[in-house]
C-alpha atoms as a PDB file:
ATOM      1  CA  UNK A   1      13.056  -9.067   3.330  1.00  0.00           C
ATOM      2  CA  UNK A   2      13.254 -11.373   0.527  1.00  0.00           C
ATOM      3  CA  UNK A   3      15.157 -10.919  -2.793  1.00  0.00           C
ATOM      4  CA  UNK A   4      15.434 -12.956  -4.935  1.00  0.00           C
ATOM      5  CA  UNK A   5      18.862 -13.763  -7.287  1.00  0.00           C
ATOM      6  CA  UNK A   6      17.104 -11.214  -9.886  1.00  0.00           C
ATOM      7  CA  UNK A   7      16.812  -8.571  -8.098  1.00  0.00           C
ATOM      8  CA  UNK A   8      12.795  -9.427  -7.794  1.00  0.00           C
ATOM      9  CA  UNK A   9      11.226  -8.728  -4.948  1.00  0.00           C
ATOM     10  CA  UNK A  10       8.083 -10.934  -6.095  1.00  0.00           C
ATOM     11  CA  UNK A  11       8.764 -13.734  -3.210  1.00  0.00           C
ATOM     12  CA  UNK A  12       8.959 -10.502  -0.686  1.00  0.00           C
ATOM     13  CA  UNK A  13       5.916  -9.097  -1.989  1.00  0.00           C
ATOM     14  CA  UNK A  14       4.144 -12.529  -1.741  1.00  0.00           C
ATOM     15  CA  UNK A  15       5.178 -13.099   1.936  1.00  0.00           C
ATOM     16  CA  UNK A  16       3.764 -10.159   2.749  1.00  0.00           C
ATOM     17  CA  UNK A  17       0.581 -10.921   1.054  1.00  0.00           C
ATOM     18  CA  UNK A  18       0.275 -14.193   2.934  1.00  0.00           C
ATOM     19  CA  UNK A  19       0.887 -12.409   6.127  1.00  0.00           C
ATOM     20  CA  UNK A  20      -1.360 -10.041   5.742  1.00  0.00           C
ATOM     21  CA  UNK A  21      -4.308 -12.056   4.036  1.00  0.00           C
ATOM     22  CA  UNK A  22      -3.871 -14.226   7.298  1.00  0.00           C
ATOM     23  CA  UNK A  23      -4.081 -11.253   9.251  1.00  0.00           C
ATOM     24  CA  UNK A  24      -7.350 -10.305   7.706  1.00  0.00           C
ATOM     25  CA  UNK A  25      -8.647 -13.845   8.172  1.00  0.00           C
ATOM     26  CA  UNK A  26      -8.058 -13.544  11.604  1.00  0.00           C
ATOM     27  CA  UNK A  27     -10.160 -10.070  11.668  1.00  0.00           C
ATOM     28  CA  UNK A  28     -12.978 -11.766   9.856  1.00  0.00           C
ATOM     29  CA  UNK A  29     -13.363 -14.863  12.616  1.00  0.00           C
ATOM     30  CA  UNK A  30     -13.138 -12.443  15.321  1.00  0.00           C
ATOM     31  CA  UNK A  31     -15.675  -9.758  14.523  1.00  0.00           C
ATOM     32  CA  UNK A  32     -19.480 -10.278  13.489  1.00  0.00           C
ATOM     33  CA  UNK A  33     -20.375  -6.665  12.809  1.00  0.00           C
ATOM     34  CA  UNK A  34     -18.297  -5.624  10.170  1.00  0.00           C
ATOM     35  CA  UNK A  35     -19.530  -1.736   9.396  1.00  0.00           C
ATOM     36  CA  UNK A  36     -17.372   0.505   7.297  1.00  0.00           C
ATOM     37  CA  UNK A  37     -16.031   2.968  10.232  1.00  0.00           C
ATOM     38  CA  UNK A  38     -14.882   0.024  12.475  1.00  0.00           C
ATOM     39  CA  UNK A  39     -13.629  -2.369   9.913  1.00  0.00           C
ATOM     40  CA  UNK A  40     -11.906   0.270   8.164  1.00  0.00           C
ATOM     41  CA  UNK A  41      -9.715   1.131  11.274  1.00  0.00           C
ATOM     42  CA  UNK A  42      -8.863  -1.911  11.971  1.00  0.00           C
ATOM     43  CA  UNK A  43      -7.570  -2.150   8.704  1.00  0.00           C
ATOM     44  CA  UNK A  44      -5.546   0.370   8.615  1.00  0.00           C
ATOM     45  CA  UNK A  45      -4.094  -0.775  11.805  1.00  0.00           C
ATOM     46  CA  UNK A  46      -3.591  -4.346  11.505  1.00  0.00           C
ATOM     47  CA  UNK A  47      -3.690  -4.998   7.586  1.00  0.00           C
ATOM     48  CA  UNK A  48      -2.328  -1.886   5.966  1.00  0.00           C
ATOM     49  CA  UNK A  49       0.899  -2.115   8.084  1.00  0.00           C
ATOM     50  CA  UNK A  50       2.125  -5.358   6.820  1.00  0.00           C
ATOM     51  CA  UNK A  51       1.235  -4.341   3.153  1.00  0.00           C
ATOM     52  CA  UNK A  52       3.255  -0.818   3.521  1.00  0.00           C
ATOM     53  CA  UNK A  53       6.249  -1.703   5.813  1.00  0.00           C
ATOM     54  CA  UNK A  54       9.361  -0.568   4.021  1.00  0.00           C
ATOM     55  CA  UNK A  55       7.817  -0.303   0.697  1.00  0.00           C
ATOM     56  CA  UNK A  56      10.315   2.147  -0.319  1.00  0.00           C
ATOM     57  CA  UNK A  57      12.816  -0.114  -0.372  1.00  0.00           C
ATOM     58  CA  UNK A  58      10.609  -2.876  -2.521  1.00  0.00           C
ATOM     59  CA  UNK A  59       8.916  -0.636  -4.397  1.00  0.00           C
ATOM     60  CA  UNK A  60       6.810  -3.283  -6.519  1.00  0.00           C
ATOM     61  CA  UNK A  61       7.212  -2.108 -10.494  1.00  0.00           C
ATOM     62  CA  UNK A  62       5.646  -5.608 -11.759  1.00  0.00           C
ATOM     63  CA  UNK A  63       1.719  -5.196 -12.338  1.00  0.00           C
ATOM     64  CA  UNK A  64       1.185  -8.584 -11.369  1.00  0.00           C
ATOM     65  CA  UNK A  65       3.029  -7.834  -8.021  1.00  0.00           C
ATOM     66  CA  UNK A  66       0.908  -4.298  -7.157  1.00  0.00           C
ATOM     67  CA  UNK A  67      -1.977  -6.381  -8.078  1.00  0.00           C
ATOM     68  CA  UNK A  68      -1.168  -9.414  -5.528  1.00  0.00           C
ATOM     69  CA  UNK A  69      -1.205  -6.570  -2.924  1.00  0.00           C
ATOM     70  CA  UNK A  70      -4.290  -4.704  -3.946  1.00  0.00           C
ATOM     71  CA  UNK A  71      -6.034  -8.326  -3.453  1.00  0.00           C
ATOM     72  CA  UNK A  72      -5.697  -7.710   0.025  1.00  0.00           C
ATOM     73  CA  UNK A  73      -6.920  -4.726   0.097  1.00  0.00           C
ATOM     74  CA  UNK A  74     -10.076  -5.260  -2.297  1.00  0.00           C
ATOM     75  CA  UNK A  75     -10.855  -8.362   0.268  1.00  0.00           C
ATOM     76  CA  UNK A  76     -10.538  -6.251   3.059  1.00  0.00           C
ATOM     77  CA  UNK A  77     -13.108  -4.196   1.857  1.00  0.00           C
ATOM     78  CA  UNK A  78     -15.369  -6.447  -0.030  1.00  0.00           C
ATOM     79  CA  UNK A  79     -15.723  -7.727   4.280  1.00  0.00           C
ATOM     80  CA  UNK A  80     -18.066  -4.611   4.836  1.00  0.00           C
ATOM     81  CA  UNK A  81     -21.499  -4.989   5.394  1.00  0.00           C
ATOM     82  CA  UNK A  82     -22.559  -1.575   4.575  1.00  0.00           C
ATOM     83  CA  UNK A  83     -21.453  -1.061   1.124  1.00  0.00           C
ATOM     84  CA  UNK A  84     -23.079  -3.082  -0.597  1.00  0.00           C
ATOM     85  CA  UNK A  85     -22.442  -4.037  -4.000  1.00  0.00           C
ATOM     86  CA  UNK A  86     -20.262  -0.809  -4.628  1.00  0.00           C
ATOM     87  CA  UNK A  87     -17.548  -1.440  -6.776  1.00  0.00           C
ATOM     88  CA  UNK A  88     -13.775  -1.211  -5.554  1.00  0.00           C
ATOM     89  CA  UNK A  89     -13.161   2.291  -6.516  1.00  0.00           C
ATOM     90  CA  UNK A  90     -16.944   3.368  -5.080  1.00  0.00           C
ATOM     91  CA  UNK A  91     -15.996   1.726  -1.907  1.00  0.00           C
ATOM     92  CA  UNK A  92     -12.240   3.145  -1.495  1.00  0.00           C
ATOM     93  CA  UNK A  93     -13.707   6.690  -1.908  1.00  0.00           C
ATOM     94  CA  UNK A  94     -17.225   6.300   0.340  1.00  0.00           C
ATOM     95  CA  UNK A  95     -14.315   5.257   2.782  1.00  0.00           C
ATOM     96  CA  UNK A  96     -11.846   7.578   2.411  1.00  0.00           C
ATOM     97  CA  UNK A  97      -9.153   5.266   1.807  1.00  0.00           C
ATOM     98  CA  UNK A  98      -6.807   5.688  -1.447  1.00  0.00           C
ATOM     99  CA  UNK A  99      -5.279   2.191  -3.403  1.00  0.00           C
ATOM    100  CA  UNK A 100      -2.089   1.157  -1.651  1.00  0.00           C
ATOM    101  CA  UNK A 101      -0.303   2.182  -5.038  1.00  0.00           C
ATOM    102  CA  UNK A 102      -1.477   6.052  -5.137  1.00  0.00           C
ATOM    103  CA  UNK A 103      -0.267   5.778  -1.587  1.00  0.00           C
ATOM    104  CA  UNK A 104       3.180   4.612  -2.707  1.00  0.00           C
ATOM    105  CA  UNK A 105       3.173   7.121  -5.734  1.00  0.00           C
ATOM    106  CA  UNK A 106       2.380   9.805  -2.809  1.00  0.00           C
ATOM    107  CA  UNK A 107       5.268   9.065  -0.890  1.00  0.00           C
ATOM    108  CA  UNK A 108       7.462   8.437  -3.859  1.00  0.00           C
ATOM    109  CA  UNK A 109       5.963  12.434  -4.419  1.00  0.00           C
ATOM    110  CA  UNK A 110       6.642  13.286  -0.662  1.00  0.00           C
ATOM    111  CA  UNK A 111      10.312  11.905  -0.730  1.00  0.00           C
ATOM    112  CA  UNK A 112      11.086  13.968  -3.953  1.00  0.00           C
ATOM    113  CA  UNK A 113       9.833  17.225  -2.664  1.00  0.00           C
ATOM    114  CA  UNK A 114      11.625  16.614   0.301  1.00  0.00           C
ATOM    115  CA  UNK A 115      15.171  15.961  -1.803  1.00  0.00           C
ATOM    116  CA  UNK A 116      14.655  18.984  -3.991  1.00  0.00           C
ATOM    117  CA  UNK A 117      14.020  21.180  -0.977  1.00  0.00           C
ATOM    118  CA  UNK A 118      16.808  20.208   1.169  1.00  0.00           C
ATOM    119  CA  UNK A 119      14.550  18.437   3.824  1.00  0.00           C
ATOM    120  CA  UNK A 120      15.975  15.292   3.841  1.00  0.00           C
ATOM    121  CA  UNK A 121      20.163  14.629   4.399  1.00  0.00           C
ATOM    122  CA  UNK A 122      20.836  13.953   1.433  1.00  0.00           C
ATOM    123  CA  UNK A 123      22.451  15.774  -1.860  1.00  0.00           C
ATOM    124  CA  UNK A 124      19.484  16.412  -4.450  1.00  0.00           C
ATOM    125  CA  UNK A 125      22.457  16.461  -7.061  1.00  0.00           C
ATOM    126  CA  UNK A 126      23.430  12.885  -6.453  1.00  0.00           C
ATOM    127  CA  UNK A 127      19.479  11.936  -7.717  1.00  0.00           C
ATOM    128  CA  UNK A 128      18.408  14.704 -10.086  1.00  0.00           C
ATOM    129  CA  UNK A 129      19.702  16.550 -12.603  1.00  0.00           C
ATOM    130  CA  UNK A 130      18.285  19.846 -13.016  1.00  0.00           C
ATOM    131  CA  UNK A 131      17.335  21.700 -16.727  1.00  0.00           C
ATOM    132  CA  UNK A 132      18.833  25.241 -16.557  1.00  0.00           C
ATOM    133  CA  UNK A 133      16.383  28.057 -17.782  1.00  0.00           C
ATOM    134  CA  UNK A 134      18.628  30.369 -20.539  1.00  0.00           C
END
């Protein structure tokens, strides 16, 4: 992980986006038929793990970092030949995918649920303050 002196993860985000773009380029060169089902499996197996590796640690909070990561997924979805001229959101829906930002939010919500309900081995009061009903 790359962290700047200002504790910004932008350098790390740019690094993993470059790696993901490189793998995506390799997939593009290696495949001639890029139908939705096959290419989605390739993308979710080889590219998306790069974009999500240790995401809870460096979860991007800057809009430009979020857009840098989403740009990789947008490019991957544009490579799929059988989706026509659909928008990014329509492509996600047709393929049964979520935006990377939505996936990170969902992961955060799952971890919060697990912490609040004692599933994680973490003291819930270290992370949350609860209001008592009177």
